[in-house]
Each structure stands twice: as structure tokens, then as C-alpha cells.
N, C-alpha and C. Protein backbone atom coordinates (compact mmCIF):
# COMPACT_ATOMS: atom_id res chain seq x y z
N MET A 1 0.82 -1.18 0.00
CA MET A 1 0.00 0.00 0.00
C MET A 1 0.87 1.26 0.00
N PHE A 2 1.93 1.23 0.82
CA PHE A 2 2.83 2.38 0.88
C PHE A 2 3.51 2.61 -0.47
N LYS A 3 3.87 1.49 -1.14
CA LYS A 3 4.49 1.60 -2.45
C LYS A 3 3.56 2.25 -3.46
N ASP A 4 2.29 1.90 -3.42
CA ASP A 4 1.31 2.49 -4.32
C ASP A 4 1.13 3.98 -4.04
N LEU A 5 1.14 4.34 -2.78
CA LEU A 5 1.01 5.74 -2.41
C LEU A 5 2.21 6.55 -2.89
N VAL A 6 3.40 6.01 -2.72
CA VAL A 6 4.60 6.69 -3.21
C VAL A 6 4.58 6.79 -4.72
N ARG A 7 4.18 5.73 -5.40
CA ARG A 7 4.10 5.74 -6.86
C ARG A 7 3.11 6.80 -7.35
N PHE A 8 1.96 6.90 -6.67
CA PHE A 8 0.97 7.89 -7.05
C PHE A 8 1.51 9.31 -6.90
N TYR A 9 2.11 9.62 -5.76
CA TYR A 9 2.63 10.96 -5.55
C TYR A 9 3.83 11.26 -6.44
N TRP A 10 4.62 10.24 -6.75
CA TRP A 10 5.73 10.45 -7.67
C TRP A 10 5.21 10.79 -9.06
N SER A 11 4.18 10.09 -9.52
CA SER A 11 3.62 10.39 -10.84
C SER A 11 2.96 11.77 -10.85
N LEU A 12 2.34 12.14 -9.74
CA LEU A 12 1.74 13.47 -9.65
C LEU A 12 2.82 14.55 -9.71
N TRP A 13 3.90 14.35 -8.99
CA TRP A 13 5.01 15.31 -9.01
C TRP A 13 5.63 15.37 -10.40
N ALA A 14 5.80 14.22 -11.03
CA ALA A 14 6.39 14.18 -12.37
C ALA A 14 5.50 14.93 -13.36
N GLN A 15 4.21 14.73 -13.24
CA GLN A 15 3.29 15.41 -14.15
C GLN A 15 3.35 16.93 -13.94
N MET A 16 3.40 17.38 -12.73
CA MET A 16 3.40 18.81 -12.45
C MET A 16 4.73 19.48 -12.79
N SER A 17 5.81 18.74 -12.74
CA SER A 17 7.12 19.37 -12.95
C SER A 17 7.66 19.21 -14.37
N TRP A 18 7.28 18.16 -15.07
CA TRP A 18 7.86 17.90 -16.39
C TRP A 18 6.99 18.33 -17.54
N GLN A 19 5.70 18.47 -17.31
CA GLN A 19 4.81 18.90 -18.38
C GLN A 19 4.90 20.41 -18.56
N PRO A 20 4.59 20.88 -19.74
CA PRO A 20 4.59 22.32 -19.95
C PRO A 20 3.58 23.01 -19.04
N HIS A 21 3.88 24.22 -18.66
CA HIS A 21 3.03 24.94 -17.72
C HIS A 21 1.63 25.18 -18.29
N TRP A 22 1.54 25.45 -19.58
CA TRP A 22 0.24 25.74 -20.17
C TRP A 22 -0.70 24.55 -20.12
N LEU A 23 -0.17 23.34 -20.01
CA LEU A 23 -1.01 22.16 -19.97
C LEU A 23 -1.73 22.06 -18.62
N ASN A 24 -1.13 22.54 -17.57
CA ASN A 24 -1.75 22.50 -16.25
C ASN A 24 -2.61 23.71 -15.98
N SER A 25 -2.47 24.75 -16.76
CA SER A 25 -3.20 25.99 -16.54
C SER A 25 -4.66 25.83 -16.95
N ARG A 26 -5.55 26.38 -16.15
CA ARG A 26 -6.97 26.36 -16.48
C ARG A 26 -7.40 27.65 -17.19
N ASP A 27 -6.50 28.62 -17.28
CA ASP A 27 -6.84 29.89 -17.89
C ASP A 27 -5.67 30.36 -18.76
N PRO A 28 -5.43 29.69 -19.91
CA PRO A 28 -4.31 30.09 -20.76
C PRO A 28 -4.59 31.41 -21.46
N ASP A 29 -3.56 32.01 -22.00
CA ASP A 29 -3.73 33.30 -22.68
C ASP A 29 -4.59 33.14 -23.94
N ALA A 30 -5.11 34.26 -24.40
CA ALA A 30 -6.09 34.25 -25.50
C ALA A 30 -5.52 33.75 -26.81
N GLU A 31 -4.22 33.91 -27.03
CA GLU A 31 -3.61 33.51 -28.30
C GLU A 31 -3.08 32.09 -28.30
N HIS A 32 -3.22 31.38 -27.22
CA HIS A 32 -2.64 30.05 -27.12
C HIS A 32 -3.51 29.03 -27.85
N PHE A 33 -2.88 28.08 -28.53
CA PHE A 33 -3.59 27.08 -29.33
C PHE A 33 -4.40 26.12 -28.47
N HIS A 34 -4.10 26.03 -27.20
CA HIS A 34 -4.75 25.09 -26.31
C HIS A 34 -6.00 25.67 -25.65
N ARG A 35 -6.27 26.94 -25.87
CA ARG A 35 -7.35 27.63 -25.18
C ARG A 35 -8.73 27.06 -25.49
N ARG A 36 -8.93 26.54 -26.68
CA ARG A 36 -10.25 26.05 -27.08
C ARG A 36 -10.76 24.95 -26.15
N ARG A 37 -9.86 24.21 -25.53
CA ARG A 37 -10.27 23.13 -24.63
C ARG A 37 -10.99 23.64 -23.40
N PHE A 38 -10.85 24.91 -23.08
CA PHE A 38 -11.42 25.44 -21.85
C PHE A 38 -12.68 26.26 -22.09
N THR A 39 -13.14 26.35 -23.31
CA THR A 39 -14.36 27.12 -23.58
C THR A 39 -15.59 26.28 -23.26
N HIS A 40 -16.66 26.96 -22.97
CA HIS A 40 -17.91 26.28 -22.63
C HIS A 40 -18.43 25.46 -23.81
N LYS A 41 -18.30 26.02 -25.00
CA LYS A 41 -18.78 25.34 -26.21
C LYS A 41 -18.04 24.01 -26.43
N TYR A 42 -16.72 24.03 -26.24
CA TYR A 42 -15.94 22.82 -26.45
C TYR A 42 -16.24 21.78 -25.36
N ARG A 43 -16.45 22.23 -24.12
CA ARG A 43 -16.80 21.29 -23.05
C ARG A 43 -18.15 20.62 -23.32
N GLU A 44 -19.09 21.38 -23.87
CA GLU A 44 -20.37 20.79 -24.25
C GLU A 44 -20.18 19.74 -25.33
N LYS A 45 -19.32 20.03 -26.29
CA LYS A 45 -19.03 19.05 -27.34
C LYS A 45 -18.40 17.80 -26.74
N GLN A 46 -17.51 17.97 -25.76
CA GLN A 46 -16.89 16.82 -25.11
C GLN A 46 -17.93 15.97 -24.40
N ARG A 47 -18.92 16.60 -23.77
CA ARG A 47 -19.98 15.85 -23.10
C ARG A 47 -20.80 15.04 -24.11
N ILE A 48 -21.05 15.63 -25.26
CA ILE A 48 -21.80 14.92 -26.30
C ILE A 48 -20.99 13.71 -26.78
N VAL A 49 -19.70 13.92 -27.02
CA VAL A 49 -18.84 12.81 -27.48
C VAL A 49 -18.75 11.72 -26.41
N ARG A 50 -18.66 12.12 -25.17
CA ARG A 50 -18.62 11.14 -24.07
C ARG A 50 -19.91 10.31 -24.06
N SER A 51 -21.05 10.95 -24.26
CA SER A 51 -22.33 10.23 -24.31
C SER A 51 -22.39 9.29 -25.50
N VAL A 52 -21.89 9.74 -26.64
CA VAL A 52 -21.87 8.89 -27.84
C VAL A 52 -21.01 7.66 -27.59
N TRP A 53 -19.83 7.83 -27.00
CA TRP A 53 -18.95 6.69 -26.74
C TRP A 53 -19.55 5.75 -25.70
N PHE A 54 -20.20 6.32 -24.69
CA PHE A 54 -20.84 5.46 -23.68
C PHE A 54 -21.95 4.63 -24.32
N SER A 55 -22.76 5.27 -25.16
CA SER A 55 -23.83 4.55 -25.85
C SER A 55 -23.28 3.47 -26.78
N ALA A 56 -22.21 3.81 -27.49
CA ALA A 56 -21.59 2.82 -28.38
C ALA A 56 -21.03 1.65 -27.58
N GLY A 57 -20.47 1.93 -26.41
CA GLY A 57 -19.95 0.86 -25.57
C GLY A 57 -21.04 -0.08 -25.08
N VAL A 58 -22.20 0.48 -24.76
CA VAL A 58 -23.33 -0.36 -24.34
C VAL A 58 -23.79 -1.25 -25.50
N VAL A 59 -23.84 -0.66 -26.70
CA VAL A 59 -24.24 -1.46 -27.87
C VAL A 59 -23.20 -2.55 -28.13
N MET A 60 -21.91 -2.23 -27.97
CA MET A 60 -20.86 -3.24 -28.18
C MET A 60 -20.97 -4.37 -27.17
N LEU A 61 -21.34 -4.04 -25.94
CA LEU A 61 -21.53 -5.09 -24.95
C LEU A 61 -22.77 -5.92 -25.23
N ALA A 62 -23.78 -5.29 -25.80
CA ALA A 62 -25.01 -6.02 -26.11
C ALA A 62 -24.83 -6.95 -27.31
N PHE A 63 -24.03 -6.52 -28.29
CA PHE A 63 -23.78 -7.31 -29.51
C PHE A 63 -22.27 -7.50 -29.68
N PRO A 64 -21.69 -8.48 -29.01
CA PRO A 64 -20.22 -8.62 -29.01
C PRO A 64 -19.63 -9.33 -30.24
N GLN A 65 -20.29 -9.28 -31.38
CA GLN A 65 -19.71 -9.86 -32.58
C GLN A 65 -18.62 -8.93 -33.12
N PRO A 66 -17.52 -9.48 -33.61
CA PRO A 66 -16.41 -8.64 -34.07
C PRO A 66 -16.79 -7.65 -35.17
N HIS A 67 -17.61 -8.06 -36.13
CA HIS A 67 -17.95 -7.14 -37.21
C HIS A 67 -18.80 -5.98 -36.70
N VAL A 68 -19.64 -6.21 -35.72
CA VAL A 68 -20.44 -5.12 -35.15
C VAL A 68 -19.55 -4.17 -34.36
N VAL A 69 -18.66 -4.72 -33.57
CA VAL A 69 -17.77 -3.90 -32.74
C VAL A 69 -16.86 -3.04 -33.61
N ILE A 70 -16.25 -3.64 -34.62
CA ILE A 70 -15.32 -2.89 -35.49
C ILE A 70 -16.06 -1.79 -36.25
N ALA A 71 -17.21 -2.11 -36.80
CA ALA A 71 -17.98 -1.09 -37.53
C ALA A 71 -18.41 0.04 -36.62
N LEU A 72 -18.84 -0.30 -35.42
CA LEU A 72 -19.27 0.72 -34.47
C LEU A 72 -18.10 1.57 -33.98
N LEU A 73 -16.95 0.95 -33.77
CA LEU A 73 -15.75 1.71 -33.38
C LEU A 73 -15.35 2.72 -34.45
N LEU A 74 -15.34 2.28 -35.69
CA LEU A 74 -14.97 3.17 -36.79
C LEU A 74 -15.98 4.31 -36.94
N PHE A 75 -17.27 3.98 -36.89
CA PHE A 75 -18.29 5.01 -37.02
C PHE A 75 -18.25 6.00 -35.85
N THR A 76 -18.07 5.50 -34.63
CA THR A 76 -18.03 6.38 -33.46
C THR A 76 -16.81 7.28 -33.49
N THR A 77 -15.68 6.77 -33.95
CA THR A 77 -14.49 7.59 -34.08
C THR A 77 -14.71 8.70 -35.10
N PHE A 78 -15.28 8.36 -36.24
CA PHE A 78 -15.59 9.36 -37.25
C PHE A 78 -16.56 10.40 -36.72
N LEU A 79 -17.59 9.98 -36.03
CA LEU A 79 -18.58 10.89 -35.47
C LEU A 79 -17.96 11.80 -34.42
N SER A 80 -17.05 11.27 -33.61
CA SER A 80 -16.38 12.08 -32.59
C SER A 80 -15.53 13.17 -33.22
N PHE A 81 -14.79 12.81 -34.26
CA PHE A 81 -13.99 13.83 -34.95
C PHE A 81 -14.87 14.88 -35.60
N CYS A 82 -16.01 14.46 -36.14
CA CYS A 82 -16.93 15.44 -36.75
C CYS A 82 -17.50 16.39 -35.71
N ILE A 83 -17.84 15.90 -34.55
CA ILE A 83 -18.42 16.76 -33.50
C ILE A 83 -17.38 17.72 -32.96
N LEU A 84 -16.17 17.25 -32.74
CA LEU A 84 -15.12 18.10 -32.14
C LEU A 84 -14.38 18.96 -33.14
N ASP A 85 -14.72 18.86 -34.42
CA ASP A 85 -14.04 19.62 -35.45
C ASP A 85 -14.21 21.13 -35.22
N GLU A 86 -13.14 21.88 -35.41
CA GLU A 86 -13.14 23.32 -35.15
C GLU A 86 -13.19 24.15 -36.43
N THR A 87 -13.26 23.52 -37.58
CA THR A 87 -13.26 24.30 -38.83
C THR A 87 -14.59 24.98 -39.01
N GLU A 88 -14.57 26.03 -39.77
CA GLU A 88 -15.79 26.83 -40.00
C GLU A 88 -16.50 26.36 -41.24
């Protein structure tokens, strides 16, 4: 148990010290490419994608045939990229 606790805090320290500062920031500057992740609109899109993936996972568990799973994975991936797309 102690080993797991040390491993957890070590990974937390490593994440906070080795990753770029902007990745940990919740309020990046307006010109930063990472800012879109923190907007309300993008978070709503993430919730929709999360719901789509959860629904697809339930369908995959209900119909565990390989052809159904592969087709659903490909379609859900395509749909996720379409929803999160930022182009105008």
C-alpha cells in the first residue's frame, strides 16, 4: 500500500514538474492554441462525445460480434472527430 502511495505521488510530481506549464493551466492566454479546450462550447461538445462513446460501448456489450464492434468503433471515431471539429 505504501508503495502504491509513493508511486501515485511520484507520478503526480512528475506530471506537475515535467509537463509544460500551459497544460496545467486552467486559464491560458487568449492567443494560445490550447485555449479552445477550456471554452464552454468545447466542453459541451466533449460531453456529447462522451455520451456517444458510452452509448456505443453499451451497444458493443449487447452485440459482441467482431464485425459489429469494429464497424461501431470506426463510425463512433468518425462521429467524434466530426463533432469536435473546429473548422468553420
